């Protein structure tokens, strides 16, 4: 018996699977089992020793990295709130000034 079959040849430049882009990863839903998993990224960052000691003391059993993460999230929320309040106050002042000038 002869083995007369041919297998497809793959060029080094051509892959049988499409390339995965960063956009694909950004749109992906990460899951553990069937439940979506929180997205976290490992980073290396240098922080002042005083900051690390402060967060370790404050964190207790939770872990200082969790406390740092929560603190950063709160900072973002404060910035968003401050920006929203400034916009609203500015719009109201402009509206009131327009009414006064009319």
PDB file of N, CA and C in Angstrom:
ATOM      1  N   UNK A   1       0.832  -1.179   0.000  1.00  0.00           N
ATOM      2  CA  UNK A   1       0.000   0.000   0.000  1.00  0.00           C
ATOM      3  C   UNK A   1       0.876   1.240   0.000  1.00  0.00           C
ATOM      4  N   UNK A   2       0.416   2.177  -0.725  1.00  0.00           N
ATOM      5  CA  UNK A   2       1.189   3.409  -0.752  1.00  0.00           C
ATOM      6  C   UNK A   2       0.427   4.499  -0.010  1.00  0.00           C
ATOM      7  N   UNK A   3       1.177   5.302   0.630  1.00  0.00           N
ATOM      8  CA  UNK A   3       0.586   6.456   1.316  1.00  0.00           C
ATOM      9  C   UNK A   3       0.625   7.629   0.366  1.00  0.00           C
ATOM     10  N   UNK A   4      -0.405   7.771  -0.408  1.00  0.00           N
ATOM     11  CA  UNK A   4      -0.423   8.843  -1.396  1.00  0.00           C
ATOM     12  C   UNK A   4      -1.377   9.951  -0.973  1.00  0.00           C
ATOM     13  N   UNK A   5      -1.007  10.595   0.046  1.00  0.00           N
ATOM     14  CA  UNK A   5      -1.777  11.770   0.452  1.00  0.00           C
ATOM     15  C   UNK A   5      -0.811  12.928   0.583  1.00  0.00           C
ATOM     16  N   UNK A   6      -1.355  14.091   0.474  1.00  0.00           N
ATOM     17  CA  UNK A   6      -0.483  15.251   0.604  1.00  0.00           C
ATOM     18  C   UNK A   6      -0.991  16.122   1.735  1.00  0.00           C
ATOM     19  N   UNK A   7      -0.093  16.568   2.537  1.00  0.00           N
ATOM     20  CA  UNK A   7      -0.476  17.472   3.610  1.00  0.00           C
ATOM     21  C   UNK A   7      -0.224  18.891   3.138  1.00  0.00           C
ATOM     22  N   UNK A   8      -1.072  19.797   3.553  1.00  0.00           N
ATOM     23  CA  UNK A   8      -0.879  21.173   3.123  1.00  0.00           C
ATOM     24  C   UNK A   8       0.424  21.723   3.687  1.00  0.00           C
ATOM     25  N   UNK A   9       1.090  22.492   2.888  1.00  0.00           N
ATOM     26  CA  UNK A   9       2.326  23.113   3.356  1.00  0.00           C
ATOM     27  C   UNK A   9       2.000  24.532   3.796  1.00  0.00           C
ATOM     28  N   UNK A  10       2.656  24.954   4.829  1.00  0.00           N
ATOM     29  CA  UNK A  10       2.415  26.274   5.377  1.00  0.00           C
ATOM     30  C   UNK A  10       3.665  27.108   5.180  1.00  0.00           C
ATOM     31  N   UNK A  11       3.475  28.234   4.550  1.00  0.00           N
ATOM     32  CA  UNK A  11       4.558  29.189   4.391  1.00  0.00           C
ATOM     33  C   UNK A  11       4.923  29.742   5.759  1.00  0.00           C
ATOM     34  N   UNK A  12       6.166  30.097   5.953  1.00  0.00           N
ATOM     35  CA  UNK A  12       6.554  30.715   7.213  1.00  0.00           C
ATOM     36  C   UNK A  12       5.835  32.038   7.421  1.00  0.00           C
ATOM     37  N   UNK A  13       5.536  32.744   6.335  1.00  0.00           N
ATOM     38  CA  UNK A  13       4.859  34.029   6.434  1.00  0.00           C
ATOM     39  C   UNK A  13       3.355  33.866   6.597  1.00  0.00           C
ATOM     40  N   UNK A  14       2.824  32.729   6.224  1.00  0.00           N
ATOM     41  CA  UNK A  14       1.390  32.499   6.259  1.00  0.00           C
ATOM     42  C   UNK A  14       1.061  31.510   7.358  1.00  0.00           C
ATOM     43  N   UNK A  15       0.141  31.903   8.224  1.00  0.00           N
ATOM     44  CA  UNK A  15      -0.274  31.036   9.320  1.00  0.00           C
ATOM     45  C   UNK A  15      -1.688  30.570   9.049  1.00  0.00           C
ATOM     46  N   UNK A  16      -2.044  29.377   9.518  1.00  0.00           N
ATOM     47  CA  UNK A  16      -3.396  28.914   9.283  1.00  0.00           C
ATOM     48  C   UNK A  16      -4.389  29.570  10.241  1.00  0.00           C
ATOM     49  N   UNK A  17      -3.898  30.253  11.269  1.00  0.00           N
ATOM     50  CA  UNK A  17      -4.742  30.964  12.216  1.00  0.00           C
ATOM     51  C   UNK A  17      -4.546  32.464  12.039  1.00  0.00           C
ATOM     52  N   UNK A  18      -5.610  33.239  12.201  1.00  0.00           N
ATOM     53  CA  UNK A  18      -5.449  34.694  12.078  1.00  0.00           C
ATOM     54  C   UNK A  18      -4.633  35.239  13.248  1.00  0.00           C
ATOM     55  N   UNK A  19      -3.953  36.343  13.005  1.00  0.00           N
ATOM     56  CA  UNK A  19      -3.166  36.966  14.063  1.00  0.00           C
ATOM     57  C   UNK A  19      -4.102  37.604  15.078  1.00  0.00           C
ATOM     58  N   UNK A  20      -3.746  37.487  16.345  1.00  0.00           N
ATOM     59  CA  UNK A  20      -4.519  38.081  17.432  1.00  0.00           C
ATOM     60  C   UNK A  20      -3.925  39.456  17.708  1.00  0.00           C
ATOM     61  N   UNK A  21      -4.788  40.465  17.719  1.00  0.00           N
ATOM     62  CA  UNK A  21      -4.329  41.834  17.932  1.00  0.00           C
ATOM     63  C   UNK A  21      -4.677  42.300  19.348  1.00  0.00           C
ATOM     64  N   UNK A  22      -4.128  43.447  19.735  1.00  0.00           N
ATOM     65  CA  UNK A  22      -4.454  44.023  21.037  1.00  0.00           C
ATOM     66  C   UNK A  22      -5.944  44.344  21.111  1.00  0.00           C
ATOM     67  N   UNK A  23      -6.522  44.765  20.000  1.00  0.00           N
ATOM     68  CA  UNK A  23      -7.953  45.038  19.954  1.00  0.00           C
ATOM     69  C   UNK A  23      -8.777  43.798  20.277  1.00  0.00           C
ATOM     70  N   UNK A  24      -8.316  42.648  19.788  1.00  0.00           N
ATOM     71  CA  UNK A  24      -8.996  41.386  20.109  1.00  0.00           C
ATOM     72  C   UNK A  24      -8.969  41.130  21.613  1.00  0.00           C
ATOM     73  N   UNK A  25      -7.808  41.362  22.235  1.00  0.00           N
ATOM     74  CA  UNK A  25      -7.697  41.166  23.685  1.00  0.00           C
ATOM     75  C   UNK A  25      -8.578  42.162  24.437  1.00  0.00           C
ATOM     76  N   UNK A  26      -8.630  43.409  23.965  1.00  0.00           N
ATOM     77  CA  UNK A  26      -9.436  44.426  24.636  1.00  0.00           C
ATOM     78  C   UNK A  26     -10.917  44.085  24.607  1.00  0.00           C
ATOM     79  N   UNK A  27     -11.385  43.460  23.546  1.00  0.00           N
ATOM     80  CA  UNK A  27     -12.801  43.095  23.422  1.00  0.00           C
ATOM     81  C   UNK A  27     -13.125  41.765  24.095  1.00  0.00           C
ATOM     82  N   UNK A  28     -12.106  41.017  24.473  1.00  0.00           N
ATOM     83  CA  UNK A  28     -12.318  39.682  25.031  1.00  0.00           C
ATOM     84  C   UNK A  28     -12.935  39.758  26.428  1.00  0.00           C
ATOM     85  N   UNK A  29     -13.726  38.755  26.760  1.00  0.00           N
ATOM     86  CA  UNK A  29     -14.261  38.603  28.106  1.00  0.00           C
ATOM     87  C   UNK A  29     -13.489  37.473  28.768  1.00  0.00           C
ATOM     88  N   UNK A  30     -12.764  37.816  29.806  1.00  0.00           N
ATOM     89  CA  UNK A  30     -11.982  36.818  30.505  1.00  0.00           C
ATOM     90  C   UNK A  30     -12.884  36.092  31.488  1.00  0.00           C
ATOM     91  N   UNK A  31     -12.792  34.778  31.492  1.00  0.00           N
ATOM     92  CA  UNK A  31     -13.684  33.978  32.321  1.00  0.00           C
ATOM     93  C   UNK A  31     -12.907  32.937  33.113  1.00  0.00           C
ATOM     94  N   UNK A  32     -13.473  32.622  34.278  1.00  0.00           N
ATOM     95  CA  UNK A  32     -13.029  31.475  35.055  1.00  0.00           C
ATOM     96  C   UNK A  32     -14.248  30.588  35.130  1.00  0.00           C
ATOM     97  N   UNK A  33     -14.177  29.422  34.529  1.00  0.00           N
ATOM     98  CA  UNK A  33     -15.376  28.610  34.382  1.00  0.00           C
ATOM     99  C   UNK A  33     -16.311  29.342  33.446  1.00  0.00           C
ATOM    100  N   UNK A  34     -17.543  29.565  33.842  1.00  0.00           N
ATOM    101  CA  UNK A  34     -18.493  30.298  33.011  1.00  0.00           C
ATOM    102  C   UNK A  34     -18.706  31.730  33.484  1.00  0.00           C
ATOM    103  N   UNK A  35     -18.050  32.113  34.592  1.00  0.00           N
ATOM    104  CA  UNK A  35     -18.245  33.446  35.148  1.00  0.00           C
ATOM    105  C   UNK A  35     -17.125  34.380  34.687  1.00  0.00           C
ATOM    106  N   UNK A  36     -17.489  35.613  34.307  1.00  0.00           N
ATOM    107  CA  UNK A  36     -16.440  36.567  33.945  1.00  0.00           C
ATOM    108  C   UNK A  36     -15.492  36.802  35.115  1.00  0.00           C
ATOM    109  N   UNK A  37     -14.221  36.846  34.828  1.00  0.00           N
ATOM    110  CA  UNK A  37     -13.203  37.054  35.853  1.00  0.00           C
ATOM    111  C   UNK A  37     -12.742  38.506  35.819  1.00  0.00           C
ATOM    112  N   UNK A  38     -12.364  39.042  36.966  1.00  0.00           N
ATOM    113  CA  UNK A  38     -11.859  40.413  36.970  1.00  0.00           C
ATOM    114  C   UNK A  38     -10.561  40.493  36.179  1.00  0.00           C
ATOM    115  N   UNK A  39     -10.397  41.591  35.467  1.00  0.00           N
ATOM    116  CA  UNK A  39      -9.203  41.766  34.652  1.00  0.00           C
ATOM    117  C   UNK A  39      -8.169  42.523  35.455  1.00  0.00           C
ATOM    118  N   UNK A  40      -7.043  41.918  35.619  1.00  0.00           N
ATOM    119  CA  UNK A  40      -5.929  42.559  36.300  1.00  0.00           C
ATOM    120  C   UNK A  40      -4.681  42.319  35.474  1.00  0.00           C
ATOM    121  N   UNK A  41      -3.739  43.221  35.610  1.00  0.00           N
ATOM    122  CA  UNK A  41      -2.490  43.109  34.869  1.00  0.00           C
ATOM    123  C   UNK A  41      -1.335  43.237  35.861  1.00  0.00           C
ATOM    124  N   UNK A  42      -0.391  42.345  35.736  1.00  0.00           N
ATOM    125  CA  UNK A  42       0.786  42.399  36.592  1.00  0.00           C
ATOM    126  C   UNK A  42       1.692  43.517  36.086  1.00  0.00           C
ATOM    127  N   UNK A  43       2.104  44.398  37.017  1.00  0.00           N
ATOM    128  CA  UNK A  43       3.029  45.472  36.679  1.00  0.00           C
ATOM    129  C   UNK A  43       4.140  45.518  37.711  1.00  0.00           C
ATOM    130  N   UNK A  44       5.224  46.087  37.303  1.00  0.00           N
ATOM    131  CA  UNK A  44       6.319  46.342  38.236  1.00  0.00           C
ATOM    132  C   UNK A  44       6.409  47.839  38.397  1.00  0.00           C
ATOM    133  N   UNK A  45       6.326  48.292  39.637  1.00  0.00           N
ATOM    134  CA  UNK A  45       6.338  49.723  39.910  1.00  0.00           C
ATOM    135  C   UNK A  45       7.194  49.970  41.152  1.00  0.00           C
ATOM    136  N   UNK A  46       7.950  51.043  41.117  1.00  0.00           N
ATOM    137  CA  UNK A  46       8.767  51.409  42.268  1.00  0.00           C
ATOM    138  C   UNK A  46       8.026  52.468  43.070  1.00  0.00           C
ATOM    139  N   UNK A  47       7.774  52.172  44.339  1.00  0.00           N
ATOM    140  CA  UNK A  47       7.099  53.110  45.230  1.00  0.00           C
ATOM    141  C   UNK A  47       8.028  53.448  46.380  1.00  0.00           C
ATOM    142  N   UNK A  48       7.813  54.611  46.963  1.00  0.00           N
ATOM    143  CA  UNK A  48       8.607  54.997  48.128  1.00  0.00           C
ATOM    144  C   UNK A  48       8.372  53.998  49.251  1.00  0.00           C
ATOM    145  N   UNK A  49       9.426  53.714  49.996  1.00  0.00           N
ATOM    146  CA  UNK A  49       9.346  52.778  51.116  1.00  0.00           C
ATOM    147  C   UNK A  49       8.295  53.229  52.121  1.00  0.00           C
ATOM    148  N   UNK A  50       8.205  54.526  52.349  1.00  0.00           N
ATOM    149  CA  UNK A  50       7.231  55.068  53.294  1.00  0.00           C
ATOM    150  C   UNK A  50       5.810  54.716  52.857  1.00  0.00           C
ATOM    151  N   UNK A  51       5.530  54.779  51.552  1.00  0.00           N
ATOM    152  CA  UNK A  51       4.205  54.434  51.049  1.00  0.00           C
ATOM    153  C   UNK A  51       3.880  52.966  51.281  1.00  0.00           C
ATOM    154  N   UNK A  52       4.826  52.100  50.972  1.00  0.00           N
ATOM    155  CA  UNK A  52       4.607  50.661  51.165  1.00  0.00           C
ATOM    156  C   UNK A  52       4.341  50.362  52.634  1.00  0.00           C
ATOM    157  N   UNK A  53       5.149  50.946  53.531  1.00  0.00           N
ATOM    158  CA  UNK A  53       4.953  50.718  54.970  1.00  0.00           C
ATOM    159  C   UNK A  53       3.586  51.223  55.421  1.00  0.00           C
ATOM    160  N   UNK A  54       3.183  52.396  54.925  1.00  0.00           N
ATOM    161  CA  UNK A  54       1.884  52.962  55.283  1.00  0.00           C
ATOM    162  C   UNK A  54       0.753  52.015  54.875  1.00  0.00           C
ATOM    163  N   UNK A  55       0.768  51.569  53.623  1.00  0.00           N
ATOM    164  CA  UNK A  55      -0.312  50.706  53.140  1.00  0.00           C
ATOM    165  C   UNK A  55      -0.283  49.339  53.814  1.00  0.00           C
ATOM    166  N   UNK A  56       0.888  48.818  54.133  1.00  0.00           N
ATOM    167  CA  UNK A  56       0.959  47.534  54.850  1.00  0.00           C
ATOM    168  C   UNK A  56       0.347  47.647  56.232  1.00  0.00           C
ATOM    169  N   UNK A  57       0.633  48.759  56.919  1.00  0.00           N
ATOM    170  CA  UNK A  57       0.074  48.959  58.258  1.00  0.00           C
ATOM    171  C   UNK A  57      -1.444  49.136  58.195  1.00  0.00           C
ATOM    172  N   UNK A  58      -1.932  49.903  57.221  1.00  0.00           N
ATOM    173  CA  UNK A  58      -3.361  50.173  57.092  1.00  0.00           C
ATOM    174  C   UNK A  58      -4.148  48.953  56.625  1.00  0.00           C
ATOM    175  N   UNK A  59      -3.525  48.127  55.805  1.00  0.00           N
ATOM    176  CA  UNK A  59      -4.252  47.031  55.149  1.00  0.00           C
ATOM    177  C   UNK A  59      -4.624  45.917  56.104  1.00  0.00           C
ATOM    178  N   UNK A  60      -3.775  45.590  57.019  1.00  0.00           N
ATOM    179  CA  UNK A  60      -4.059  44.481  57.928  1.00  0.00           C
ATOM    180  C   UNK A  60      -4.128  43.172  57.165  1.00  0.00           C
ATOM    181  N   UNK A  61      -5.240  42.446  57.331  1.00  0.00           N
ATOM    182  CA  UNK A  61      -5.408  41.127  56.719  1.00  0.00           C
ATOM    183  C   UNK A  61      -5.713  41.181  55.223  1.00  0.00           C
ATOM    184  N   UNK A  62      -6.242  42.311  54.736  1.00  0.00           N
ATOM    185  CA  UNK A  62      -6.666  42.396  53.337  1.00  0.00           C
ATOM    186  C   UNK A  62      -5.511  42.312  52.359  1.00  0.00           C
ATOM    187  N   UNK A  63      -4.371  42.799  52.735  1.00  0.00           N
ATOM    188  CA  UNK A  63      -3.251  42.854  51.812  1.00  0.00           C
ATOM    189  C   UNK A  63      -3.062  44.274  51.306  1.00  0.00           C
ATOM    190  N   UNK A  64      -1.835  44.721  51.333  1.00  0.00           N
ATOM    191  CA  UNK A  64      -1.566  46.112  50.985  1.00  0.00           C
ATOM    192  C   UNK A  64      -1.781  46.401  49.509  1.00  0.00           C
ATOM    193  N   UNK A  65      -1.596  45.421  48.635  1.00  0.00           N
ATOM    194  CA  UNK A  65      -1.799  45.664  47.202  1.00  0.00           C
ATOM    195  C   UNK A  65      -3.278  45.936  46.915  1.00  0.00           C
ATOM    196  N   UNK A  66      -4.163  45.243  47.614  1.00  0.00           N
ATOM    197  CA  UNK A  66      -5.595  45.468  47.467  1.00  0.00           C
ATOM    198  C   UNK A  66      -5.949  46.878  47.911  1.00  0.00           C
ATOM    199  N   UNK A  67      -5.360  47.317  49.016  1.00  0.00           N
ATOM    200  CA  UNK A  67      -5.627  48.661  49.521  1.00  0.00           C
ATOM    201  C   UNK A  67      -5.100  49.724  48.555  1.00  0.00           C
ATOM    202  N   UNK A  68      -3.930  49.511  47.991  1.00  0.00           N
ATOM    203  CA  UNK A  68      -3.387  50.444  47.003  1.00  0.00           C
ATOM    204  C   UNK A  68      -4.323  50.514  45.798  1.00  0.00           C
ATOM    205  N   UNK A  69      -4.804  49.363  45.333  1.00  0.00           N
ATOM    206  CA  UNK A  69      -5.725  49.313  44.190  1.00  0.00           C
ATOM    207  C   UNK A  69      -7.005  50.095  44.490  1.00  0.00           C
ATOM    208  N   UNK A  70      -7.585  49.880  45.670  1.00  0.00           N
ATOM    209  CA  UNK A  70      -8.804  50.591  46.058  1.00  0.00           C
ATOM    210  C   UNK A  70      -8.562  52.093  46.150  1.00  0.00           C
ATOM    211  N   UNK A  71      -7.414  52.491  46.680  1.00  0.00           N
ATOM    212  CA  UNK A  71      -7.080  53.907  46.813  1.00  0.00           C
ATOM    213  C   UNK A  71      -6.955  54.561  45.445  1.00  0.00           C
ATOM    214  N   UNK A  72      -6.343  53.868  44.508  1.00  0.00           N
ATOM    215  CA  UNK A  72      -6.218  54.408  43.149  1.00  0.00           C
ATOM    216  C   UNK A  72      -7.586  54.528  42.475  1.00  0.00           C
ATOM    217  N   UNK A  73      -8.463  53.541  42.691  1.00  0.00           N
ATOM    218  CA  UNK A  73      -9.816  53.614  42.133  1.00  0.00           C
ATOM    219  C   UNK A  73     -10.578  54.815  42.708  1.00  0.00           C
ATOM    220  N   UNK A  74     -10.429  55.057  44.019  1.00  0.00           N
ATOM    221  CA  UNK A  74     -11.089  56.195  44.653  1.00  0.00           C
ATOM    222  C   UNK A  74     -10.569  57.512  44.081  1.00  0.00           C
ATOM    223  N   UNK A  75      -9.278  57.582  43.805  1.00  0.00           N
ATOM    224  CA  UNK A  75      -8.692  58.795  43.222  1.00  0.00           C
ATOM    225  C   UNK A  75      -9.299  59.068  41.851  1.00  0.00           C
ATOM    226  N   UNK A  76      -9.492  58.013  41.060  1.00  0.00           N
ATOM    227  CA  UNK A  76     -10.112  58.169  39.737  1.00  0.00           C
ATOM    228  C   UNK A  76     -11.548  58.666  39.895  1.00  0.00           C
ATOM    229  N   UNK A  77     -12.284  58.071  40.833  1.00  0.00           N
ATOM    230  CA  UNK A  77     -13.680  58.454  41.053  1.00  0.00           C
ATOM    231  C   UNK A  77     -13.770  59.913  41.505  1.00  0.00           C
ATOM    232  N   UNK A  78     -12.860  60.343  42.380  1.00  0.00           N
ATOM    233  CA  UNK A  78     -12.853  61.743  42.830  1.00  0.00           C
ATOM    234  C   UNK A  78     -12.592  62.682  41.663  1.00  0.00           C
ATOM    235  N   UNK A  79     -11.632  62.317  40.807  1.00  0.00           N
ATOM    236  CA  UNK A  79     -11.331  63.147  39.637  1.00  0.00           C
ATOM    237  C   UNK A  79     -12.543  63.263  38.733  1.00  0.00           C
ATOM    238  N   UNK A  80     -13.225  62.134  38.492  1.00  0.00           N
ATOM    239  CA  UNK A  80     -14.424  62.145  37.650  1.00  0.00           C
ATOM    240  C   UNK A  80     -15.513  63.008  38.276  1.00  0.00           C
ATOM    241  N   UNK A  81     -15.698  62.891  39.584  1.00  0.00           N
ATOM    242  CA  UNK A  81     -16.718  63.664  40.282  1.00  0.00           C
ATOM    243  C   UNK A  81     -16.379  65.149  40.218  1.00  0.00           C
ATOM    244  N   UNK A  82     -15.128  65.486  40.477  1.00  0.00           N
ATOM    245  CA  UNK A  82     -14.705  66.893  40.448  1.00  0.00           C
ATOM    246  C   UNK A  82     -14.909  67.494  39.056  1.00  0.00           C
ATOM    247  N   UNK A  83     -14.532  66.745  38.041  1.00  0.00           N
ATOM    248  CA  UNK A  83     -14.707  67.217  36.664  1.00  0.00           C
ATOM    249  C   UNK A  83     -16.187  67.422  36.335  1.00  0.00           C
ATOM    250  N   UNK A  84     -17.036  66.506  36.757  1.00  0.00           N
ATOM    251  CA  UNK A  84     -18.477  66.616  36.515  1.00  0.00           C
ATOM    252  C   UNK A  84     -19.058  67.824  37.241  1.00  0.00           C
ATOM    253  N   UNK A  85     -18.661  68.007  38.504  1.00  0.00           N
ATOM    254  CA  UNK A  85     -19.168  69.152  39.265  1.00  0.00           C
ATOM    255  C   UNK A  85     -18.727  70.473  38.645  1.00  0.00           C
ATOM    256  N   UNK A  86     -17.491  70.549  38.200  1.00  0.00           N
ATOM    257  CA  UNK A  86     -16.998  71.778  37.560  1.00  0.00           C
ATOM    258  C   UNK A  86     -17.803  72.085  36.292  1.00  0.00           C
ATOM    259  N   UNK A  87     -18.079  71.055  35.506  1.00  0.00           N
ATOM    260  CA  UNK A  87     -18.843  71.240  34.273  1.00  0.00           C
ATOM    261  C   UNK A  87     -20.250  71.736  34.576  1.00  0.00           C
ATOM    262  N   UNK A  88     -20.902  71.125  35.567  1.00  0.00           N
ATOM    263  CA  UNK A  88     -22.272  71.512  35.917  1.00  0.00           C
ATOM    264  C   UNK A  88     -22.311  72.946  36.443  1.00  0.00           C
ATOM    265  N   UNK A  89     -21.394  73.282  37.335  1.00  0.00           N
ATOM    266  CA  UNK A  89     -21.361  74.635  37.887  1.00  0.00           C
ATOM    267  C   UNK A  89     -21.113  75.647  36.771  1.00  0.00           C
ATOM    268  N   UNK A  90     -20.192  75.332  35.871  1.00  0.00           N
ATOM    269  CA  UNK A  90     -19.895  76.225  34.751  1.00  0.00           C
ATOM    270  C   UNK A  90     -21.124  76.418  33.867  1.00  0.00           C
ATOM    271  N   UNK A  91     -21.827  75.322  33.552  1.00  0.00           N
ATOM    272  CA  UNK A  91     -23.033  75.413  32.719  1.00  0.00           C
ATOM    273  C   UNK A  91     -24.110  76.252  33.403  1.00  0.00           C
ATOM    274  N   UNK A  92     -24.296  76.059  34.694  1.00  0.00           N
ATOM    275  CA  UNK A  92     -25.310  76.814  35.435  1.00  0.00           C
ATOM    276  C   UNK A  92     -24.947  78.288  35.508  1.00  0.00           C
ATOM    277  N   UNK A  93     -23.665  78.584  35.724  1.00  0.00           N
ATOM    278  CA  UNK A  93     -23.239  79.982  35.753  1.00  0.00           C
ATOM    279  C   UNK A  93     -23.442  80.648  34.395  1.00  0.00           C
ATOM    280  N   UNK A  94     -23.073  79.956  33.334  1.00  0.00           N
ATOM    281  CA  UNK A  94     -23.266  80.500  31.987  1.00  0.00           C
ATOM    282  C   UNK A  94     -24.761  80.728  31.700  1.00  0.00           C
ATOM    283  N   UNK A  95     -25.598  79.791  32.123  1.00  0.00           N
ATOM    284  CA  UNK A  95     -27.035  79.907  31.924  1.00  0.00           C
ATOM    285  C   UNK A  95     -27.578  81.116  32.676  1.00  0.00           C
ATOM    286  N   UNK A  96     -27.147  81.274  33.933  1.00  0.00           N
ATOM    287  CA  UNK A  96     -27.600  82.394  34.756  1.00  0.00           C
ATOM    288  C   UNK A  96     -27.114  83.721  34.187  1.00  0.00           C
ATOM    289  N   UNK A  97     -25.859  83.769  33.744  1.00  0.00           N
ATOM    290  CA  UNK A  97     -25.328  84.991  33.134  1.00  0.00           C
ATOM    291  C   UNK A  97     -26.072  85.345  31.858  1.00  0.00           C
ATOM    292  N   UNK A  98     -26.417  84.343  31.073  1.00  0.00           N
ATOM    293  CA  UNK A  98     -27.186  84.578  29.841  1.00  0.00           C
ATOM    294  C   UNK A  98     -28.547  85.151  30.154  1.00  0.00           C
ATOM    295  N   UNK A  99     -29.186  84.637  31.206  1.00  0.00           N
ATOM    296  CA  UNK A  99     -30.507  85.127  31.604  1.00  0.00           C
ATOM    297  C   UNK A  99     -30.416  86.561  32.106  1.00  0.00           C
ATOM    298  N   UNK A 100     -29.361  86.867  32.827  1.00  0.00           N
ATOM    299  CA  UNK A 100     -29.177  88.223  33.375  1.00  0.00           C
ATOM    300  C   UNK A 100     -28.939  89.210  32.224  1.00  0.00           C
ATOM    301  N   UNK A 101     -28.132  88.823  31.238  1.00  0.00           N
ATOM    302  CA  UNK A 101     -27.778  89.693  30.138  1.00  0.00           C
ATOM    303  C   UNK A 101     -28.939  89.885  29.162  1.00  0.00           C
ATOM    304  N   UNK A 102     -29.906  88.986  29.171  1.00  0.00           N
ATOM    305  CA  UNK A 102     -31.027  89.073  28.209  1.00  0.00           C
ATOM    306  C   UNK A 102     -32.032  90.101  28.589  1.00  0.00           C
TER     307      UNK A 102
END
